[in-house]
Amino acid sequence: MKRHDGIISIAIILAVLIFDQAVKIAIKTHFMLGEEVAVFGDWFKLHFVENNGMAFGMELGEGNVGKIALSLFRIVAVIGIGYIIYTMCKREKPVSRMLLVCSSLVWAGAFGNIIDSLFYGVIFDSSWGQVATLFPEAGGYSTWLHGRVVDMLYFPLIEGNFPSWMPIWGGEHFVFFHPVFNIADAAISVGMALGLIFCHKELSEEFDGEKSK
């Protein structure tokens, strides 16, 4: 592993994980589920929700089967992305720093949400109608792999009603941006967006090179 590339990747991963988990634990131990606090007026709020699914509250399947499948998928994805980062750092032909940064952001974000799924059900009690306790004497609200992901970042930038003449949604209330997310989700989204914008040519060359082997 090239020293500088390895240091950059590790620093990004640690920064995202520490920040992500610090905010999640602070929210979990100070907010009841559904509670919110305005940070900057009406357009940025801390709004505590939990979800069983993927980034921005999306879900894979239903019930325990979907939850376990998603947790296992996350673990496999993190192992795969981690291996890709390792090969990028040790290869003779160096990859761009931007690609390394993007990959590290995605890995850190995915691993950050895995921590919630793996451990939060065991180390926290429920947040329904109460502020959760870390390491409660009576045990957690669930079991391994069944923890819920903590989300809190809410940006309702625009709120109103669609015009009555609009098909399907006419007259309905809307909020933009509606999903509530966390630092890990943001790291994944930023990493993927930067990769598509600045590294698409490099990614295409890598893919074409693998196909020609």
Protein backbone atom coordinates (compact mmCIF):
# COMPACT_ATOMS: atom_id res chain seq x y z
CA MET A 1 0.00 0.00 0.00
CA LYS A 2 1.36 3.40 -0.95
CA ARG A 3 1.78 5.31 2.29
CA HIS A 4 0.18 8.61 1.29
CA ASP A 5 -2.83 7.01 -0.43
CA GLY A 6 -3.38 4.75 2.56
CA ILE A 7 -3.21 7.67 5.00
CA ILE A 8 -5.68 9.71 2.95
CA SER A 9 -8.15 6.83 2.74
CA ILE A 10 -7.90 5.96 6.44
CA ALA A 11 -8.22 9.61 7.48
CA ILE A 12 -11.40 10.08 5.42
CA ILE A 13 -12.94 6.86 6.70
CA LEU A 14 -12.17 7.62 10.35
CA ALA A 15 -13.43 11.22 10.07
CA VAL A 16 -16.76 10.13 8.55
CA LEU A 17 -17.26 7.24 10.99
CA ILE A 18 -16.44 9.26 14.10
CA PHE A 19 -18.61 12.20 13.05
CA ASP A 20 -21.47 9.95 11.95
CA GLN A 21 -21.53 7.85 15.11
CA ALA A 22 -21.02 10.83 17.44
CA VAL A 23 -24.07 12.59 15.97
CA LYS A 24 -26.18 9.43 16.00
CA ILE A 25 -25.36 8.60 19.62
CA ALA A 26 -26.01 12.20 20.67
CA ILE A 27 -29.42 12.18 18.94
CA LYS A 28 -30.32 8.74 20.29
CA THR A 29 -29.47 9.71 23.88
CA HIS A 30 -31.05 13.19 23.84
CA PHE A 31 -34.12 12.94 21.57
CA MET A 32 -37.32 10.92 21.68
CA LEU A 33 -38.42 9.40 18.38
CA GLY A 34 -40.14 12.06 16.27
CA GLU A 35 -38.71 14.98 18.25
CA GLU A 36 -37.17 17.84 16.27
CA VAL A 37 -35.22 21.04 16.85
CA ALA A 38 -34.81 23.92 14.38
CA VAL A 39 -31.15 24.63 13.62
CA PHE A 40 -31.47 27.36 10.98
CA GLY A 41 -35.01 28.64 10.77
CA ASP A 42 -37.47 26.36 8.99
CA TRP A 43 -35.08 25.05 6.34
CA PHE A 44 -32.68 22.95 8.46
CA LYS A 45 -33.88 20.86 11.38
CA LEU A 46 -32.69 17.95 13.48
CA HIS A 47 -35.60 15.53 13.24
CA PHE A 48 -35.09 12.13 14.86
CA VAL A 49 -36.40 9.14 12.92
CA GLU A 50 -35.29 5.53 12.60
CA ASN A 51 -35.61 3.22 9.61
CA ASN A 52 -35.01 -0.41 8.76
CA GLY A 53 -33.84 0.28 5.26
CA MET A 54 -31.34 1.87 2.97
CA ALA A 55 -30.27 5.47 2.53
CA PHE A 56 -32.99 8.12 2.90
CA GLY A 57 -35.44 5.64 4.46
CA MET A 58 -35.87 3.29 1.48
CA GLU A 59 -36.43 -0.36 2.35
CA LEU A 60 -35.56 -3.75 0.88
CA GLY A 61 -38.36 -6.26 1.28
CA GLU A 62 -40.57 -6.55 4.32
CA GLY A 63 -40.18 -7.71 7.91
CA ASN A 64 -37.23 -9.63 9.35
CA VAL A 65 -36.27 -11.26 6.05
CA GLY A 66 -35.86 -7.92 4.32
CA LYS A 67 -33.95 -6.47 7.26
CA ILE A 68 -31.49 -9.38 7.47
CA ALA A 69 -31.07 -9.42 3.68
CA LEU A 70 -30.26 -5.71 3.69
CA SER A 71 -27.78 -6.04 6.57
CA LEU A 72 -25.99 -8.92 4.85
CA PHE A 73 -25.98 -7.03 1.55
CA ARG A 74 -24.37 -4.05 3.28
CA ILE A 75 -21.68 -6.26 4.79
CA VAL A 76 -20.87 -7.88 1.43
CA ALA A 77 -20.82 -4.45 -0.28
CA VAL A 78 -18.47 -3.02 2.36
CA ILE A 79 -16.10 -5.98 1.98
CA GLY A 80 -16.12 -5.54 -1.80
CA ILE A 81 -15.56 -1.78 -1.71
CA GLY A 82 -12.86 -2.21 0.95
CA TYR A 83 -11.02 -4.67 -1.30
CA ILE A 84 -11.25 -2.22 -4.22
CA ILE A 85 -9.77 0.58 -2.08
CA TYR A 86 -6.96 -1.74 -0.95
CA THR A 87 -6.07 -2.67 -4.54
CA MET A 88 -6.16 0.99 -5.60
CA CYS A 89 -3.71 1.92 -2.85
CA LYS A 90 -1.20 -0.86 -3.63
CA ARG A 91 -1.23 -0.94 -7.44
CA GLU A 92 1.79 0.26 -9.43
CA LYS A 93 -0.26 2.49 -11.73
CA PRO A 94 -1.74 5.06 -9.32
CA VAL A 95 -5.39 6.03 -9.48
CA SER A 96 -6.48 9.62 -9.10
CA ARG A 97 -6.79 11.02 -5.59
CA MET A 98 -10.37 12.00 -6.37
CA LEU A 99 -11.33 8.39 -7.11
CA LEU A 100 -9.69 7.28 -3.87
CA VAL A 101 -11.54 9.99 -1.94
CA CYS A 102 -14.87 9.04 -3.51
CA SER A 103 -14.39 5.35 -2.80
CA SER A 104 -13.40 6.07 0.80
CA LEU A 105 -16.49 8.24 1.33
CA VAL A 106 -18.79 5.53 0.00
CA TRP A 107 -17.09 2.84 2.11
CA ALA A 108 -17.25 4.93 5.28
CA GLY A 109 -20.92 5.79 4.73
CA ALA A 110 -21.89 2.18 4.10
CA PHE A 111 -19.97 0.98 7.15
CA GLY A 112 -21.47 3.75 9.30
CA ASN A 113 -24.99 2.44 8.64
CA ILE A 114 -23.84 -1.15 9.14
CA ILE A 115 -22.82 -0.23 12.68
CA ASP A 116 -26.40 0.85 13.39
CA SER A 117 -27.85 -2.35 11.94
CA LEU A 118 -25.41 -4.63 13.74
CA PHE A 119 -25.23 -3.07 17.19
CA TYR A 120 -27.89 -0.46 17.92
CA GLY A 121 -30.63 -2.99 18.61
CA VAL A 122 -28.45 -4.52 21.31
CA ILE A 123 -26.79 -1.47 22.92
CA PHE A 124 -29.82 0.89 23.02
CA ASP A 125 -33.33 0.53 24.39
CA SER A 126 -36.36 1.90 22.55
CA SER A 127 -36.80 5.58 21.70
CA TRP A 128 -40.60 5.39 21.58
CA GLY A 129 -41.94 7.90 24.12
CA GLN A 130 -38.60 8.14 25.90
CA VAL A 131 -34.96 9.08 25.45
CA ALA A 132 -32.98 5.90 24.84
CA THR A 133 -30.31 4.67 27.22
CA LEU A 134 -26.93 3.43 26.04
CA PHE A 135 -26.20 -0.08 27.39
CA PRO A 136 -29.49 -0.44 29.32
CA GLU A 137 -29.57 -2.99 32.14
CA ALA A 138 -32.70 -4.64 30.73
CA GLY A 139 -31.07 -5.10 27.31
CA GLY A 140 -31.65 -3.55 23.91
CA TYR A 141 -34.79 -3.11 21.84
CA SER A 142 -33.84 -5.86 19.38
CA THR A 143 -31.11 -8.35 18.43
CA TRP A 144 -27.97 -8.42 16.29
CA LEU A 145 -28.56 -7.42 12.64
CA HIS A 146 -31.97 -5.96 13.56
CA GLY A 147 -30.90 -2.49 14.69
CA ARG A 148 -32.59 0.51 13.10
CA VAL A 149 -30.57 3.22 11.35
CA VAL A 150 -30.68 6.62 13.06
CA ASP A 151 -31.53 9.58 10.80
CA MET A 152 -31.73 13.22 11.83
CA LEU A 153 -30.80 15.69 9.04
CA TYR A 154 -33.93 17.31 7.59
CA PHE A 155 -33.92 20.09 4.98
CA PRO A 156 -37.52 21.15 4.16
CA LEU A 157 -36.33 23.89 1.81
CA ILE A 158 -39.63 24.41 0.00
CA GLU A 159 -43.10 23.57 1.26
CA GLY A 160 -46.46 24.20 -0.37
CA ASN A 161 -49.21 22.70 -2.54
CA PHE A 162 -49.07 21.58 -6.15
CA PRO A 163 -51.30 23.61 -8.52
CA SER A 164 -54.80 22.20 -8.75
CA TRP A 165 -54.47 21.83 -12.54
CA MET A 166 -51.47 19.47 -12.25
CA PRO A 167 -52.27 15.84 -13.18
CA ILE A 168 -52.11 13.19 -10.42
CA TRP A 169 -50.67 15.45 -7.68
CA GLY A 170 -52.87 18.50 -8.22
CA GLY A 171 -53.65 20.24 -4.94
CA GLU A 172 -51.54 17.87 -2.83
CA HIS A 173 -49.14 19.13 -0.20
CA PHE A 174 -45.40 18.70 -0.86
CA VAL A 175 -42.09 19.26 0.92
CA PHE A 176 -38.72 19.59 -0.82
CA PHE A 177 -36.39 18.11 0.37
CA HIS A 178 -38.51 15.58 2.30
CA PRO A 179 -36.24 12.61 3.19
CA VAL A 180 -34.49 12.60 6.58
CA PHE A 181 -30.93 11.27 6.39
CA ASN A 182 -27.66 11.01 8.31
CA ILE A 183 -23.94 11.74 7.88
CA ALA A 184 -23.31 8.25 6.46
CA ASP A 185 -26.01 8.72 3.81
CA ALA A 186 -24.50 12.10 2.90
CA ALA A 187 -21.01 10.56 2.56
CA ILE A 188 -22.34 7.86 0.21
CA SER A 189 -24.24 10.39 -1.92
CA VAL A 190 -21.34 12.86 -2.11
CA GLY A 191 -18.85 10.09 -2.91
CA MET A 192 -21.00 8.69 -5.71
CA ALA A 193 -21.83 12.13 -7.14
CA LEU A 194 -18.19 13.27 -7.18
CA GLY A 195 -17.16 9.94 -8.71
CA LEU A 196 -19.68 10.26 -11.54
CA ILE A 197 -18.76 13.89 -12.21
CA PHE A 198 -14.98 13.81 -11.95
CA CYS A 199 -13.99 10.15 -12.35
CA HIS A 200 -16.32 8.77 -15.02
CA LYS A 201 -13.56 8.65 -17.64
CA GLU A 202 -11.19 6.84 -15.30
CA LEU A 203 -13.92 4.41 -14.27
CA SER A 204 -14.73 3.72 -17.94
CA GLU A 205 -11.06 3.06 -18.74
CA GLU A 206 -10.77 0.70 -15.77
CA PHE A 207 -13.90 -1.19 -16.84
CA ASP A 208 -12.74 -1.45 -20.48
CA GLY A 209 -9.33 -2.64 -19.31
CA GLU A 210 -10.87 -5.39 -17.20
CA LYS A 211 -13.06 -6.55 -20.11
CA SER A 212 -10.07 -6.76 -22.47
CA LYS A 213 -8.11 -9.07 -20.15
